[in-house]
């Protein structure tokens, strides 16, 4: 049986940060965390809550 080698120019997965794990990358992609209980635009416009 022969040894199989696989070469790729892509770095290994543990080197590359994943967006949903790396907080800074998530911030750059989606912006700051927004509170979930914030009233919507229409609620604020109509004076609800």
PDB file of N, CA and C in Angstrom:
ATOM      1  N   UNK A   1       0.847  -1.185   0.000  1.00  0.00           N
ATOM      2  CA  UNK A   1       0.000   0.000   0.000  1.00  0.00           C
ATOM      3  C   UNK A   1       0.893   1.249   0.000  1.00  0.00           C
ATOM      4  N   UNK A   2       0.568   2.232  -0.830  1.00  0.00           N
ATOM      5  CA  UNK A   2       1.386   3.432  -0.938  1.00  0.00           C
ATOM      6  C   UNK A   2       0.781   4.562  -0.109  1.00  0.00           C
ATOM      7  N   UNK A   3       1.630   5.472   0.322  1.00  0.00           N
ATOM      8  CA  UNK A   3       1.170   6.633   1.087  1.00  0.00           C
ATOM      9  C   UNK A   3       0.625   7.673   0.110  1.00  0.00           C
ATOM     10  N   UNK A   4      -0.520   8.213   0.389  1.00  0.00           N
ATOM     11  CA  UNK A   4      -1.148   9.204  -0.467  1.00  0.00           C
ATOM     12  C   UNK A   4      -0.888  10.585   0.109  1.00  0.00           C
ATOM     13  N   UNK A   5      -0.356  11.484  -0.719  1.00  0.00           N
ATOM     14  CA  UNK A   5      -0.102  12.858  -0.289  1.00  0.00           C
ATOM     15  C   UNK A   5      -1.025  13.813  -1.009  1.00  0.00           C
ATOM     16  N   UNK A   6      -1.527  14.751  -0.280  1.00  0.00           N
ATOM     17  CA  UNK A   6      -2.412  15.762  -0.855  1.00  0.00           C
ATOM     18  C   UNK A   6      -1.803  17.119  -0.556  1.00  0.00           C
ATOM     19  N   UNK A   7      -1.518  17.888  -1.610  1.00  0.00           N
ATOM     20  CA  UNK A   7      -0.951  19.230  -1.438  1.00  0.00           C
ATOM     21  C   UNK A   7      -1.957  20.260  -1.916  1.00  0.00           C
ATOM     22  N   UNK A   8      -2.077  21.330  -1.169  1.00  0.00           N
ATOM     23  CA  UNK A   8      -2.990  22.396  -1.523  1.00  0.00           C
ATOM     24  C   UNK A   8      -2.353  23.734  -1.162  1.00  0.00           C
ATOM     25  N   UNK A   9      -2.693  24.772  -1.895  1.00  0.00           N
ATOM     26  CA  UNK A   9      -2.176  26.105  -1.576  1.00  0.00           C
ATOM     27  C   UNK A   9      -2.997  26.762  -0.462  1.00  0.00           C
ATOM     28  N   UNK A  10      -4.160  26.185  -0.158  1.00  0.00           N
ATOM     29  CA  UNK A  10      -5.011  26.729   0.902  1.00  0.00           C
ATOM     30  C   UNK A  10      -4.464  26.332   2.262  1.00  0.00           C
ATOM     31  N   UNK A  11      -4.410  27.292   3.223  1.00  0.00           N
ATOM     32  CA  UNK A  11      -3.942  26.932   4.562  1.00  0.00           C
ATOM     33  C   UNK A  11      -4.889  25.965   5.260  1.00  0.00           C
ATOM     34  N   UNK A  12      -4.380  25.320   6.270  1.00  0.00           N
ATOM     35  CA  UNK A  12      -5.184  24.363   7.021  1.00  0.00           C
ATOM     36  C   UNK A  12      -6.319  25.089   7.747  1.00  0.00           C
ATOM     37  N   UNK A  13      -7.423  24.395   8.013  1.00  0.00           N
ATOM     38  CA  UNK A  13      -8.608  25.022   8.603  1.00  0.00           C
ATOM     39  C   UNK A  13      -8.363  25.638   9.975  1.00  0.00           C
ATOM     40  N   UNK A  14      -7.482  25.048  10.788  1.00  0.00           N
ATOM     41  CA  UNK A  14      -7.280  25.592  12.138  1.00  0.00           C
ATOM     42  C   UNK A  14      -6.507  26.898  12.103  1.00  0.00           C
ATOM     43  N   UNK A  15      -5.869  27.242  10.975  1.00  0.00           N
ATOM     44  CA  UNK A  15      -5.146  28.505  10.849  1.00  0.00           C
ATOM     45  C   UNK A  15      -6.104  29.628  10.462  1.00  0.00           C
ATOM     46  N   UNK A  16      -7.082  29.313   9.618  1.00  0.00           N
ATOM     47  CA  UNK A  16      -8.003  30.331   9.116  1.00  0.00           C
ATOM     48  C   UNK A  16      -9.120  30.588  10.127  1.00  0.00           C
ATOM     49  N   UNK A  17      -9.336  31.856  10.551  1.00  0.00           N
ATOM     50  CA  UNK A  17     -10.418  32.129  11.497  1.00  0.00           C
ATOM     51  C   UNK A  17     -11.776  31.977  10.832  1.00  0.00           C
ATOM     52  N   UNK A  18     -12.718  31.388  11.546  1.00  0.00           N
ATOM     53  CA  UNK A  18     -14.072  31.254  11.041  1.00  0.00           C
ATOM     54  C   UNK A  18     -14.870  32.486  11.463  1.00  0.00           C
ATOM     55  N   UNK A  19     -15.667  33.077  10.577  1.00  0.00           N
ATOM     56  CA  UNK A  19     -16.389  34.312  10.920  1.00  0.00           C
ATOM     57  C   UNK A  19     -17.291  34.184  12.139  1.00  0.00           C
ATOM     58  N   UNK A  20     -17.929  33.037  12.349  1.00  0.00           N
ATOM     59  CA  UNK A  20     -18.847  32.919  13.475  1.00  0.00           C
ATOM     60  C   UNK A  20     -18.116  32.656  14.793  1.00  0.00           C
ATOM     61  N   UNK A  21     -16.793  32.438  14.755  1.00  0.00           N
ATOM     62  CA  UNK A  21     -16.030  32.204  15.978  1.00  0.00           C
ATOM     63  C   UNK A  21     -15.171  33.422  16.307  1.00  0.00           C
ATOM     64  N   UNK A  22     -14.593  34.028  15.290  1.00  0.00           N
ATOM     65  CA  UNK A  22     -13.706  35.166  15.494  1.00  0.00           C
ATOM     66  C   UNK A  22     -14.543  36.445  15.639  1.00  0.00           C
ATOM     67  N   UNK A  23     -14.533  37.034  16.810  1.00  0.00           N
ATOM     68  CA  UNK A  23     -15.395  38.180  17.109  1.00  0.00           C
ATOM     69  C   UNK A  23     -15.058  39.390  16.240  1.00  0.00           C
ATOM     70  N   UNK A  24     -13.793  39.644  15.999  1.00  0.00           N
ATOM     71  CA  UNK A  24     -13.414  40.813  15.205  1.00  0.00           C
ATOM     72  C   UNK A  24     -13.850  40.647  13.746  1.00  0.00           C
ATOM     73  N   UNK A  25     -13.693  39.466  13.214  1.00  0.00           N
ATOM     74  CA  UNK A  25     -14.119  39.219  11.839  1.00  0.00           C
ATOM     75  C   UNK A  25     -15.640  39.347  11.717  1.00  0.00           C
ATOM     76  N   UNK A  26     -16.378  38.873  12.741  1.00  0.00           N
ATOM     77  CA  UNK A  26     -17.832  39.015  12.737  1.00  0.00           C
ATOM     78  C   UNK A  26     -18.220  40.496  12.784  1.00  0.00           C
ATOM     79  N   UNK A  27     -17.505  41.271  13.590  1.00  0.00           N
ATOM     80  CA  UNK A  27     -17.775  42.702  13.690  1.00  0.00           C
ATOM     81  C   UNK A  27     -17.529  43.396  12.348  1.00  0.00           C
ATOM     82  N   UNK A  28     -16.432  43.046  11.669  1.00  0.00           N
ATOM     83  CA  UNK A  28     -16.144  43.658  10.379  1.00  0.00           C
ATOM     84  C   UNK A  28     -17.181  43.262   9.325  1.00  0.00           C
ATOM     85  N   UNK A  29     -17.700  42.054   9.418  1.00  0.00           N
ATOM     86  CA  UNK A  29     -18.666  41.572   8.428  1.00  0.00           C
ATOM     87  C   UNK A  29     -20.065  42.108   8.683  1.00  0.00           C
ATOM     88  N   UNK A  30     -20.536  42.051   9.934  1.00  0.00           N
ATOM     89  CA  UNK A  30     -21.933  42.356  10.247  1.00  0.00           C
ATOM     90  C   UNK A  30     -22.145  43.632  11.037  1.00  0.00           C
ATOM     91  N   UNK A  31     -21.093  44.248  11.579  1.00  0.00           N
ATOM     92  CA  UNK A  31     -21.245  45.449  12.379  1.00  0.00           C
ATOM     93  C   UNK A  31     -21.446  45.100  13.845  1.00  0.00           C
ATOM     94  N   UNK A  32     -21.712  46.097  14.677  1.00  0.00           N
ATOM     95  CA  UNK A  32     -21.853  45.843  16.103  1.00  0.00           C
ATOM     96  C   UNK A  32     -23.096  45.005  16.426  1.00  0.00           C
ATOM     97  N   UNK A  33     -23.061  44.370  17.571  1.00  0.00           N
ATOM     98  CA  UNK A  33     -24.183  43.546  18.015  1.00  0.00           C
ATOM     99  C   UNK A  33     -25.355  44.458  18.340  1.00  0.00           C
ATOM    100  N   UNK A  34     -26.534  44.112  17.847  1.00  0.00           N
ATOM    101  CA  UNK A  34     -27.741  44.891  18.079  1.00  0.00           C
ATOM    102  C   UNK A  34     -28.605  44.197  19.130  1.00  0.00           C
ATOM    103  N   UNK A  35     -29.203  44.949  20.052  1.00  0.00           N
ATOM    104  CA  UNK A  35     -30.083  44.322  21.038  1.00  0.00           C
ATOM    105  C   UNK A  35     -31.331  43.758  20.364  1.00  0.00           C
ATOM    106  N   UNK A  36     -31.790  42.610  20.855  1.00  0.00           N
ATOM    107  CA  UNK A  36     -32.932  41.952  20.244  1.00  0.00           C
ATOM    108  C   UNK A  36     -34.257  42.602  20.636  1.00  0.00           C
ATOM    109  N   UNK A  37     -34.315  43.296  21.780  1.00  0.00           N
ATOM    110  CA  UNK A  37     -35.581  43.881  22.230  1.00  0.00           C
ATOM    111  C   UNK A  37     -35.753  45.326  21.765  1.00  0.00           C
ATOM    112  N   UNK A  38     -34.922  45.780  20.853  1.00  0.00           N
ATOM    113  CA  UNK A  38     -35.036  47.140  20.336  1.00  0.00           C
ATOM    114  C   UNK A  38     -36.279  47.256  19.465  1.00  0.00           C
ATOM    115  N   UNK A  39     -37.114  48.275  19.680  1.00  0.00           N
ATOM    116  CA  UNK A  39     -38.319  48.423  18.864  1.00  0.00           C
ATOM    117  C   UNK A  39     -37.963  48.696  17.400  1.00  0.00           C
ATOM    118  N   UNK A  40     -38.801  48.240  16.505  1.00  0.00           N
ATOM    119  CA  UNK A  40     -38.563  48.437  15.079  1.00  0.00           C
ATOM    120  C   UNK A  40     -38.820  49.901  14.704  1.00  0.00           C
ATOM    121  N   UNK A  41     -38.472  50.217  13.480  1.00  0.00           N
ATOM    122  CA  UNK A  41     -38.690  51.580  12.981  1.00  0.00           C
ATOM    123  C   UNK A  41     -40.161  51.960  13.055  1.00  0.00           C
ATOM    124  N   UNK A  42     -41.061  51.058  12.641  1.00  0.00           N
ATOM    125  CA  UNK A  42     -42.494  51.345  12.641  1.00  0.00           C
ATOM    126  C   UNK A  42     -43.045  51.475  14.053  1.00  0.00           C
ATOM    127  N   UNK A  43     -42.531  50.676  14.978  1.00  0.00           N
ATOM    128  CA  UNK A  43     -42.983  50.810  16.366  1.00  0.00           C
ATOM    129  C   UNK A  43     -42.603  52.167  16.941  1.00  0.00           C
ATOM    130  N   UNK A  44     -41.395  52.610  16.637  1.00  0.00           N
ATOM    131  CA  UNK A  44     -40.969  53.929  17.122  1.00  0.00           C
ATOM    132  C   UNK A  44     -41.743  55.051  16.439  1.00  0.00           C
ATOM    133  N   UNK A  45     -42.011  54.884  15.154  1.00  0.00           N
ATOM    134  CA  UNK A  45     -42.734  55.915  14.412  1.00  0.00           C
ATOM    135  C   UNK A  45     -44.168  56.067  14.916  1.00  0.00           C
ATOM    136  N   UNK A  46     -44.823  54.949  15.218  1.00  0.00           N
ATOM    137  CA  UNK A  46     -46.206  54.975  15.670  1.00  0.00           C
ATOM    138  C   UNK A  46     -46.356  55.115  17.178  1.00  0.00           C
ATOM    139  N   UNK A  47     -45.234  55.213  17.904  1.00  0.00           N
ATOM    140  CA  UNK A  47     -45.282  55.423  19.337  1.00  0.00           C
ATOM    141  C   UNK A  47     -45.609  54.201  20.153  1.00  0.00           C
ATOM    142  N   UNK A  48     -45.474  53.023  19.591  1.00  0.00           N
ATOM    143  CA  UNK A  48     -45.728  51.802  20.365  1.00  0.00           C
ATOM    144  C   UNK A  48     -44.528  51.482  21.232  1.00  0.00           C
ATOM    145  N   UNK A  49     -44.825  50.980  22.435  1.00  0.00           N
ATOM    146  CA  UNK A  49     -43.829  50.510  23.400  1.00  0.00           C
ATOM    147  C   UNK A  49     -43.028  51.616  23.990  1.00  0.00           C
TER     148      UNK A  49
END
